[in-house]
Structures are given as C-alpha cells and as structure tokens.
C-alpha cells in the first residue's frame, strides 16, 4: 500500500517511520539539525511542489536514497491517508 504525499509523489506505507508537523517539530534544535543533515546528504525529497511545506515524513531508506519527504499537506491529512487501505 502507498501513501500519497502530494504532487504525484508516493511512498510505501511500510517505509514510513513517522509523520511530523514542520512548524511544531522544527522548534527543536535537534530536529533542525536532523533536517539540515538530511538536506546536506541529499536525503530530502521535496514533494511540496514549490509550495511552503507543512509537514515532513521520515522514511526507511528508499530506492532513491531519500529518507525525508517534505509535503505541502498537513500532518493530520497524511495520517488520515495512512490509516486508509489501498491507494489513497
């Protein structure tokens, strides 16, 4: 099963480790350091389509090498989608 992150970007549900609200979680210096390190290593997939990202999804290592996916969708929307069955 897949989770649609927006702008035709999908990840397998079994690869999802966590879904986080970017505004809330980025207040921590540890989260900012994690996101900075992922960006510097090329491990970020920007699925926001040029919009301001509202959430990020941490995944197990994907085939593309990305581990963090930025999305313009709210974390609550992504969580609701992840609870569904099949392709959402």
PDB file of N, CA and C in Angstrom:
ATOM      1  N   UNK A   1       0.828  -1.170   0.000  1.00  0.00           N
ATOM      2  CA  UNK A   1       0.000   0.000   0.000  1.00  0.00           C
ATOM      3  C   UNK A   1       0.889   1.256   0.000  1.00  0.00           C
ATOM      4  N   UNK A   2       0.345   2.349  -0.500  1.00  0.00           N
ATOM      5  CA  UNK A   2       1.116   3.568  -0.687  1.00  0.00           C
ATOM      6  C   UNK A   2       0.461   4.747   0.014  1.00  0.00           C
ATOM      7  N   UNK A   3       1.282   5.706   0.367  1.00  0.00           N
ATOM      8  CA  UNK A   3       0.826   6.967   0.939  1.00  0.00           C
ATOM      9  C   UNK A   3       1.144   8.063  -0.060  1.00  0.00           C
ATOM     10  N   UNK A   4       0.117   8.807  -0.469  1.00  0.00           N
ATOM     11  CA  UNK A   4       0.289   9.892  -1.429  1.00  0.00           C
ATOM     12  C   UNK A   4       0.681  11.149  -0.670  1.00  0.00           C
ATOM     13  N   UNK A   5       1.851  11.707  -0.976  1.00  0.00           N
ATOM     14  CA  UNK A   5       2.371  12.883  -0.282  1.00  0.00           C
ATOM     15  C   UNK A   5       1.993  14.194  -0.966  1.00  0.00           C
ATOM     16  N   UNK A   6       1.445  14.100  -2.158  1.00  0.00           N
ATOM     17  CA  UNK A   6       1.122  15.288  -2.940  1.00  0.00           C
ATOM     18  C   UNK A   6       2.002  15.370  -4.166  1.00  0.00           C
ATOM     19  N   UNK A   7       1.499  16.032  -5.204  1.00  0.00           N
ATOM     20  CA  UNK A   7       2.247  16.245  -6.446  1.00  0.00           C
ATOM     21  C   UNK A   7       2.813  14.959  -7.032  1.00  0.00           C
ATOM     22  N   UNK A   8       1.975  13.932  -7.075  1.00  0.00           N
ATOM     23  CA  UNK A   8       2.340  12.649  -7.688  1.00  0.00           C
ATOM     24  C   UNK A   8       3.520  11.958  -7.023  1.00  0.00           C
ATOM     25  N   UNK A   9       3.741  12.187  -5.746  1.00  0.00           N
ATOM     26  CA  UNK A   9       4.808  11.518  -5.004  1.00  0.00           C
ATOM     27  C   UNK A   9       4.194  10.514  -4.038  1.00  0.00           C
ATOM     28  N   UNK A  10       4.692   9.295  -4.104  1.00  0.00           N
ATOM     29  CA  UNK A  10       4.186   8.205  -3.279  1.00  0.00           C
ATOM     30  C   UNK A  10       5.329   7.564  -2.502  1.00  0.00           C
ATOM     31  N   UNK A  11       5.007   7.064  -1.315  1.00  0.00           N
ATOM     32  CA  UNK A  11       5.933   6.224  -0.555  1.00  0.00           C
ATOM     33  C   UNK A  11       5.154   5.005  -0.076  1.00  0.00           C
ATOM     34  N   UNK A  12       5.849   3.912   0.074  1.00  0.00           N
ATOM     35  CA  UNK A  12       5.191   2.726   0.613  1.00  0.00           C
ATOM     36  C   UNK A  12       4.904   2.950   2.087  1.00  0.00           C
ATOM     37  N   UNK A  13       3.726   2.554   2.526  1.00  0.00           N
ATOM     38  CA  UNK A  13       3.340   2.740   3.926  1.00  0.00           C
ATOM     39  C   UNK A  13       4.297   2.023   4.870  1.00  0.00           C
ATOM     40  N   UNK A  14       4.793   0.875   4.455  1.00  0.00           N
ATOM     41  CA  UNK A  14       5.688   0.125   5.340  1.00  0.00           C
ATOM     42  C   UNK A  14       7.034   0.818   5.519  1.00  0.00           C
ATOM     43  N   UNK A  15       7.378   1.764   4.627  1.00  0.00           N
ATOM     44  CA  UNK A  15       8.627   2.506   4.748  1.00  0.00           C
ATOM     45  C   UNK A  15       8.512   3.731   5.644  1.00  0.00           C
ATOM     46  N   UNK A  16       7.281   4.129   5.975  1.00  0.00           N
ATOM     47  CA  UNK A  16       7.066   5.339   6.774  1.00  0.00           C
ATOM     48  C   UNK A  16       7.404   5.056   8.232  1.00  0.00           C
ATOM     49  N   UNK A  17       8.301   5.877   8.767  1.00  0.00           N
ATOM     50  CA  UNK A  17       8.680   5.777  10.174  1.00  0.00           C
ATOM     51  C   UNK A  17       7.868   6.756  11.006  1.00  0.00           C
ATOM     52  N   UNK A  18       7.659   7.965  10.476  1.00  0.00           N
ATOM     53  CA  UNK A  18       6.887   8.962  11.203  1.00  0.00           C
ATOM     54  C   UNK A  18       6.468  10.115  10.319  1.00  0.00           C
ATOM     55  N   UNK A  19       5.376  10.766  10.721  1.00  0.00           N
ATOM     56  CA  UNK A  19       4.857  11.945  10.040  1.00  0.00           C
ATOM     57  C   UNK A  19       4.868  13.077  11.062  1.00  0.00           C
ATOM     58  N   UNK A  20       5.457  14.222  10.689  1.00  0.00           N
ATOM     59  CA  UNK A  20       5.671  15.302  11.645  1.00  0.00           C
ATOM     60  C   UNK A  20       5.199  16.635  11.090  1.00  0.00           C
ATOM     61  N   UNK A  21       4.621  17.448  11.956  1.00  0.00           N
ATOM     62  CA  UNK A  21       4.238  18.805  11.604  1.00  0.00           C
ATOM     63  C   UNK A  21       5.506  19.651  11.585  1.00  0.00           C
ATOM     64  N   UNK A  22       5.760  20.325  10.494  1.00  0.00           N
ATOM     65  CA  UNK A  22       7.016  21.058  10.335  1.00  0.00           C
ATOM     66  C   UNK A  22       7.103  22.256  11.265  1.00  0.00           C
ATOM     67  N   UNK A  23       5.994  22.975  11.463  1.00  0.00           N
ATOM     68  CA  UNK A  23       6.017  24.151  12.333  1.00  0.00           C
ATOM     69  C   UNK A  23       6.311  23.784  13.781  1.00  0.00           C
ATOM     70  N   UNK A  24       5.667  22.744  14.266  1.00  0.00           N
ATOM     71  CA  UNK A  24       5.821  22.350  15.670  1.00  0.00           C
ATOM     72  C   UNK A  24       7.177  21.705  15.923  1.00  0.00           C
ATOM     73  N   UNK A  25       7.540  20.742  15.095  1.00  0.00           N
ATOM     74  CA  UNK A  25       8.756  19.977  15.356  1.00  0.00           C
ATOM     75  C   UNK A  25      10.036  20.747  15.043  1.00  0.00           C
ATOM     76  N   UNK A  26       9.967  21.727  14.144  1.00  0.00           N
ATOM     77  CA  UNK A  26      11.191  22.451  13.796  1.00  0.00           C
ATOM     78  C   UNK A  26      11.596  23.470  14.858  1.00  0.00           C
ATOM     79  N   UNK A  27      10.831  23.572  15.931  1.00  0.00           N
ATOM     80  CA  UNK A  27      11.230  24.448  17.034  1.00  0.00           C
ATOM     81  C   UNK A  27      12.397  23.857  17.819  1.00  0.00           C
ATOM     82  N   UNK A  28      12.566  22.545  17.732  1.00  0.00           N
ATOM     83  CA  UNK A  28      13.661  21.875  18.422  1.00  0.00           C
ATOM     84  C   UNK A  28      14.948  21.984  17.610  1.00  0.00           C
ATOM     85  N   UNK A  29      16.040  22.304  18.282  1.00  0.00           N
ATOM     86  CA  UNK A  29      17.320  22.401  17.583  1.00  0.00           C
ATOM     87  C   UNK A  29      17.773  21.034  17.065  1.00  0.00           C
ATOM     88  N   UNK A  30      17.364  19.961  17.725  1.00  0.00           N
ATOM     89  CA  UNK A  30      17.728  18.620  17.271  1.00  0.00           C
ATOM     90  C   UNK A  30      17.039  18.276  15.954  1.00  0.00           C
ATOM     91  N   UNK A  31      15.766  18.647  15.836  1.00  0.00           N
ATOM     92  CA  UNK A  31      15.047  18.395  14.583  1.00  0.00           C
ATOM     93  C   UNK A  31      15.631  19.226  13.453  1.00  0.00           C
ATOM     94  N   UNK A  32      15.940  20.482  13.735  1.00  0.00           N
ATOM     95  CA  UNK A  32      16.553  21.339  12.708  1.00  0.00           C
ATOM     96  C   UNK A  32      17.887  20.757  12.258  1.00  0.00           C
ATOM     97  N   UNK A  33      18.675  20.245  13.192  1.00  0.00           N
ATOM     98  CA  UNK A  33      19.961  19.637  12.848  1.00  0.00           C
ATOM     99  C   UNK A  33      19.751  18.371  12.008  1.00  0.00           C
ATOM    100  N   UNK A  34      18.751  17.565  12.351  1.00  0.00           N
ATOM    101  CA  UNK A  34      18.444  16.364  11.584  1.00  0.00           C
ATOM    102  C   UNK A  34      18.055  16.711  10.156  1.00  0.00           C
ATOM    103  N   UNK A  35      17.166  17.701   9.989  1.00  0.00           N
ATOM    104  CA  UNK A  35      16.730  18.102   8.658  1.00  0.00           C
ATOM    105  C   UNK A  35      17.870  18.714   7.844  1.00  0.00           C
ATOM    106  N   UNK A  36      18.714  19.488   8.497  1.00  0.00           N
ATOM    107  CA  UNK A  36      19.873  20.083   7.820  1.00  0.00           C
ATOM    108  C   UNK A  36      20.827  18.993   7.334  1.00  0.00           C
ATOM    109  N   UNK A  37      21.086  17.993   8.183  1.00  0.00           N
ATOM    110  CA  UNK A  37      21.982  16.899   7.799  1.00  0.00           C
ATOM    111  C   UNK A  37      21.388  16.081   6.655  1.00  0.00           C
ATOM    112  N   UNK A  38      20.082  15.855   6.692  1.00  0.00           N
ATOM    113  CA  UNK A  38      19.431  15.115   5.604  1.00  0.00           C
ATOM    114  C   UNK A  38      19.513  15.895   4.300  1.00  0.00           C
ATOM    115  N   UNK A  39      19.355  17.205   4.378  1.00  0.00           N
ATOM    116  CA  UNK A  39      19.432  18.029   3.175  1.00  0.00           C
ATOM    117  C   UNK A  39      20.849  18.040   2.605  1.00  0.00           C
ATOM    118  N   UNK A  40      21.838  18.150   3.465  1.00  0.00           N
ATOM    119  CA  UNK A  40      23.229  18.197   3.004  1.00  0.00           C
ATOM    120  C   UNK A  40      23.669  16.869   2.391  1.00  0.00           C
ATOM    121  N   UNK A  41      23.086  15.766   2.858  1.00  0.00           N
ATOM    122  CA  UNK A  41      23.461  14.459   2.324  1.00  0.00           C
ATOM    123  C   UNK A  41      22.631  14.074   1.096  1.00  0.00           C
ATOM    124  N   UNK A  42      21.708  14.946   0.706  1.00  0.00           N
ATOM    125  CA  UNK A  42      20.868  14.654  -0.452  1.00  0.00           C
ATOM    126  C   UNK A  42      19.726  13.713  -0.133  1.00  0.00           C
ATOM    127  N   UNK A  43      19.386  13.600   1.120  1.00  0.00           N
ATOM    128  CA  UNK A  43      18.341  12.672   1.548  1.00  0.00           C
ATOM    129  C   UNK A  43      16.970  13.285   1.680  1.00  0.00           C
ATOM    130  N   UNK A  44      16.699  14.405   1.009  1.00  0.00           N
ATOM    131  CA  UNK A  44      15.400  15.072   1.123  1.00  0.00           C
ATOM    132  C   UNK A  44      14.715  15.079  -0.242  1.00  0.00           C
ATOM    133  N   UNK A  45      13.460  14.629  -0.254  1.00  0.00           N
ATOM    134  CA  UNK A  45      12.616  14.697  -1.438  1.00  0.00           C
ATOM    135  C   UNK A  45      11.593  15.795  -1.181  1.00  0.00           C
ATOM    136  N   UNK A  46      11.585  16.827  -2.006  1.00  0.00           N
ATOM    137  CA  UNK A  46      10.635  17.925  -1.849  1.00  0.00           C
ATOM    138  C   UNK A  46       9.392  17.618  -2.665  1.00  0.00           C
ATOM    139  N   UNK A  47       8.353  17.113  -1.989  1.00  0.00           N
ATOM    140  CA  UNK A  47       7.088  16.774  -2.650  1.00  0.00           C
ATOM    141  C   UNK A  47       6.083  17.904  -2.511  1.00  0.00           C
ATOM    142  N   UNK A  48       6.549  19.084  -2.084  1.00  0.00           N
ATOM    143  CA  UNK A  48       5.627  20.202  -1.845  1.00  0.00           C
ATOM    144  C   UNK A  48       5.270  20.944  -3.126  1.00  0.00           C
ATOM    145  N   UNK A  49       5.944  20.659  -4.206  1.00  0.00           N
ATOM    146  CA  UNK A  49       5.608  21.278  -5.479  1.00  0.00           C
ATOM    147  C   UNK A  49       5.795  22.780  -5.503  1.00  0.00           C
ATOM    148  N   UNK A  50       6.805  23.271  -4.826  1.00  0.00           N
ATOM    149  CA  UNK A  50       7.079  24.703  -4.827  1.00  0.00           C
ATOM    150  C   UNK A  50       6.297  25.485  -3.777  1.00  0.00           C
ATOM    151  N   UNK A  51       5.363  24.822  -3.086  1.00  0.00           N
ATOM    152  CA  UNK A  51       4.619  25.479  -2.017  1.00  0.00           C
ATOM    153  C   UNK A  51       5.396  25.353  -0.715  1.00  0.00           C
ATOM    154  N   UNK A  52       4.978  26.121   0.266  1.00  0.00           N
ATOM    155  CA  UNK A  52       5.607  26.061   1.577  1.00  0.00           C
ATOM    156  C   UNK A  52       5.269  24.719   2.225  1.00  0.00           C
ATOM    157  N   UNK A  53       6.270  23.898   2.577  1.00  0.00           N
ATOM    158  CA  UNK A  53       5.981  22.606   3.194  1.00  0.00           C
ATOM    159  C   UNK A  53       5.361  22.773   4.572  1.00  0.00           C
ATOM    160  N   UNK A  54       4.385  21.918   4.875  1.00  0.00           N
ATOM    161  CA  UNK A  54       3.713  21.957   6.170  1.00  0.00           C
ATOM    162  C   UNK A  54       4.084  20.768   7.044  1.00  0.00           C
ATOM    163  N   UNK A  55       4.597  19.713   6.425  1.00  0.00           N
ATOM    164  CA  UNK A  55       4.932  18.519   7.184  1.00  0.00           C
ATOM    165  C   UNK A  55       6.105  17.808   6.523  1.00  0.00           C
ATOM    166  N   UNK A  56       6.672  16.872   7.268  1.00  0.00           N
ATOM    167  CA  UNK A  56       7.699  16.011   6.680  1.00  0.00           C
ATOM    168  C   UNK A  56       7.496  14.590   7.156  1.00  0.00           C
ATOM    169  N   UNK A  57       7.872  13.668   6.296  1.00  0.00           N
ATOM    170  CA  UNK A  57       7.721  12.245   6.553  1.00  0.00           C
ATOM    171  C   UNK A  57       9.112  11.624   6.574  1.00  0.00           C
ATOM    172  N   UNK A  58       9.429  10.938   7.652  1.00  0.00           N
ATOM    173  CA  UNK A  58      10.703  10.229   7.752  1.00  0.00           C
ATOM    174  C   UNK A  58      10.451   8.795   7.316  1.00  0.00           C
ATOM    175  N   UNK A  59      11.251   8.333   6.366  1.00  0.00           N
ATOM    176  CA  UNK A  59      11.074   7.000   5.788  1.00  0.00           C
ATOM    177  C   UNK A  59      12.335   6.176   5.959  1.00  0.00           C
ATOM    178  N   UNK A  60      12.137   4.869   5.895  1.00  0.00           N
ATOM    179  CA  UNK A  60      13.287   3.980   5.782  1.00  0.00           C
ATOM    180  C   UNK A  60      13.945   4.303   4.445  1.00  0.00           C
ATOM    181  N   UNK A  61      15.179   3.950   4.267  1.00  0.00           N
ATOM    182  CA  UNK A  61      15.896   4.291   3.036  1.00  0.00           C
ATOM    183  C   UNK A  61      15.116   3.832   1.815  1.00  0.00           C
ATOM    184  N   UNK A  62      14.746   4.765   0.976  1.00  0.00           N
ATOM    185  CA  UNK A  62      14.003   4.473  -0.232  1.00  0.00           C
ATOM    186  C   UNK A  62      14.965   4.128  -1.355  1.00  0.00           C
ATOM    187  N   UNK A  63      14.421   3.614  -2.460  1.00  0.00           N
ATOM    188  CA  UNK A  63      15.258   3.255  -3.602  1.00  0.00           C
ATOM    189  C   UNK A  63      16.021   4.468  -4.123  1.00  0.00           C
ATOM    190  N   UNK A  64      15.405   5.652  -3.987  1.00  0.00           N
ATOM    191  CA  UNK A  64      16.024   6.867  -4.492  1.00  0.00           C
ATOM    192  C   UNK A  64      17.078   7.418  -3.532  1.00  0.00           C
ATOM    193  N   UNK A  65      17.168   6.863  -2.337  1.00  0.00           N
ATOM    194  CA  UNK A  65      18.144   7.329  -1.360  1.00  0.00           C
ATOM    195  C   UNK A  65      17.599   8.387  -0.419  1.00  0.00           C
ATOM    196  N   UNK A  66      16.421   8.922  -0.691  1.00  0.00           N
ATOM    197  CA  UNK A  66      15.845   9.919   0.199  1.00  0.00           C
ATOM    198  C   UNK A  66      15.297   9.248   1.454  1.00  0.00           C
ATOM    199  N   UNK A  67      15.409   9.975   2.556  1.00  0.00           N
ATOM    200  CA  UNK A  67      14.865   9.488   3.821  1.00  0.00           C
ATOM    201  C   UNK A  67      13.848  10.458   4.402  1.00  0.00           C
ATOM    202  N   UNK A  68      13.837  11.698   3.951  1.00  0.00           N
ATOM    203  CA  UNK A  68      12.912  12.704   4.439  1.00  0.00           C
ATOM    204  C   UNK A  68      12.144  13.259   3.248  1.00  0.00           C
ATOM    205  N   UNK A  69      10.823  13.269   3.353  1.00  0.00           N
ATOM    206  CA  UNK A  69       9.971  13.785   2.284  1.00  0.00           C
ATOM    207  C   UNK A  69       9.189  14.974   2.820  1.00  0.00           C
ATOM    208  N   UNK A  70       9.354  16.129   2.184  1.00  0.00           N
ATOM    209  CA  UNK A  70       8.609  17.323   2.558  1.00  0.00           C
ATOM    210  C   UNK A  70       7.288  17.328   1.796  1.00  0.00           C
ATOM    211  N   UNK A  71       6.205  17.732   2.469  1.00  0.00           N
ATOM    212  CA  UNK A  71       4.895  17.739   1.839  1.00  0.00           C
ATOM    213  C   UNK A  71       4.170  19.035   2.154  1.00  0.00           C
ATOM    214  N   UNK A  72       3.364  19.505   1.196  1.00  0.00           N
ATOM    215  CA  UNK A  72       2.563  20.698   1.419  1.00  0.00           C
ATOM    216  C   UNK A  72       1.276  20.360   2.171  1.00  0.00           C
ATOM    217  N   UNK A  73       1.027  19.075   2.417  1.00  0.00           N
ATOM    218  CA  UNK A  73      -0.166  18.644   3.143  1.00  0.00           C
ATOM    219  C   UNK A  73       0.087  18.674   4.647  1.00  0.00           C
ATOM    220  N   UNK A  74      -0.977  18.902   5.410  1.00  0.00           N
ATOM    221  CA  UNK A  74      -0.871  18.884   6.866  1.00  0.00           C
ATOM    222  C   UNK A  74      -0.545  17.476   7.350  1.00  0.00           C
ATOM    223  N   UNK A  75       0.115  17.391   8.481  1.00  0.00           N
ATOM    224  CA  UNK A  75       0.452  16.090   9.062  1.00  0.00           C
ATOM    225  C   UNK A  75      -0.810  15.296   9.358  1.00  0.00           C
ATOM    226  N   UNK A  76      -1.876  15.961   9.821  1.00  0.00           N
ATOM    227  CA  UNK A  76      -3.125  15.254  10.127  1.00  0.00           C
ATOM    228  C   UNK A  76      -3.736  14.651   8.865  1.00  0.00           C
ATOM    229  N   UNK A  77      -3.616  15.332   7.730  1.00  0.00           N
ATOM    230  CA  UNK A  77      -4.116  14.798   6.466  1.00  0.00           C
ATOM    231  C   UNK A  77      -3.334  13.553   6.064  1.00  0.00           C
ATOM    232  N   UNK A  78      -2.022  13.614   6.199  1.00  0.00           N
ATOM    233  CA  UNK A  78      -1.187  12.454   5.854  1.00  0.00           C
ATOM    234  C   UNK A  78      -1.474  11.278   6.783  1.00  0.00           C
ATOM    235  N   UNK A  79      -1.692  11.556   8.067  1.00  0.00           N
ATOM    236  CA  UNK A  79      -2.005  10.474   8.996  1.00  0.00           C
ATOM    237  C   UNK A  79      -3.344   9.827   8.653  1.00  0.00           C
ATOM    238  N   UNK A  80      -4.337  10.640   8.300  1.00  0.00           N
ATOM    239  CA  UNK A  80      -5.633  10.100   7.887  1.00  0.00           C
ATOM    240  C   UNK A  80      -5.482   9.227   6.645  1.00  0.00           C
ATOM    241  N   UNK A  81      -4.687   9.688   5.697  1.00  0.00           N
ATOM    242  CA  UNK A  81      -4.451   8.904   4.485  1.00  0.00           C
ATOM    243  C   UNK A  81      -3.739   7.600   4.811  1.00  0.00           C
ATOM    244  N   UNK A  82      -2.831   7.631   5.761  1.00  0.00           N
ATOM    245  CA  UNK A  82      -2.071   6.419   6.089  1.00  0.00           C
ATOM    246  C   UNK A  82      -2.934   5.377   6.781  1.00  0.00           C
ATOM    247  N   UNK A  83      -4.020   5.798   7.404  1.00  0.00           N
ATOM    248  CA  UNK A  83      -4.901   4.854   8.076  1.00  0.00           C
ATOM    249  C   UNK A  83      -5.842   4.148   7.115  1.00  0.00           C
ATOM    250  N   UNK A  84      -5.985   4.672   5.909  1.00  0.00           N
ATOM    251  CA  UNK A  84      -6.838   4.045   4.907  1.00  0.00           C
ATOM    252  C   UNK A  84      -6.185   2.801   4.347  1.00  0.00           C
ATOM    253  N   UNK A  85      -6.952   2.088   3.546  1.00  0.00           N
ATOM    254  CA  UNK A  85      -6.404   0.903   2.899  1.00  0.00           C
ATOM    255  C   UNK A  85      -6.258   1.165   1.423  1.00  0.00           C
ATOM    256  N   UNK A  86      -5.250   0.594   0.838  1.00  0.00           N
ATOM    257  CA  UNK A  86      -5.059   0.732  -0.583  1.00  0.00           C
ATOM    258  C   UNK A  86      -4.446   2.057  -0.964  1.00  0.00           C
ATOM    259  N   UNK A  87      -4.676   2.428  -2.202  1.00  0.00           N
ATOM    260  CA  UNK A  87      -4.129   3.673  -2.741  1.00  0.00           C
ATOM    261  C   UNK A  87      -5.070   4.805  -2.394  1.00  0.00           C
ATOM    262  N   UNK A  88      -4.587   5.802  -1.678  1.00  0.00           N
ATOM    263  CA  UNK A  88      -5.424   6.929  -1.229  1.00  0.00           C
ATOM    264  C   UNK A  88      -5.209   8.114  -2.103  1.00  0.00           C
TER     265      UNK A  88
END
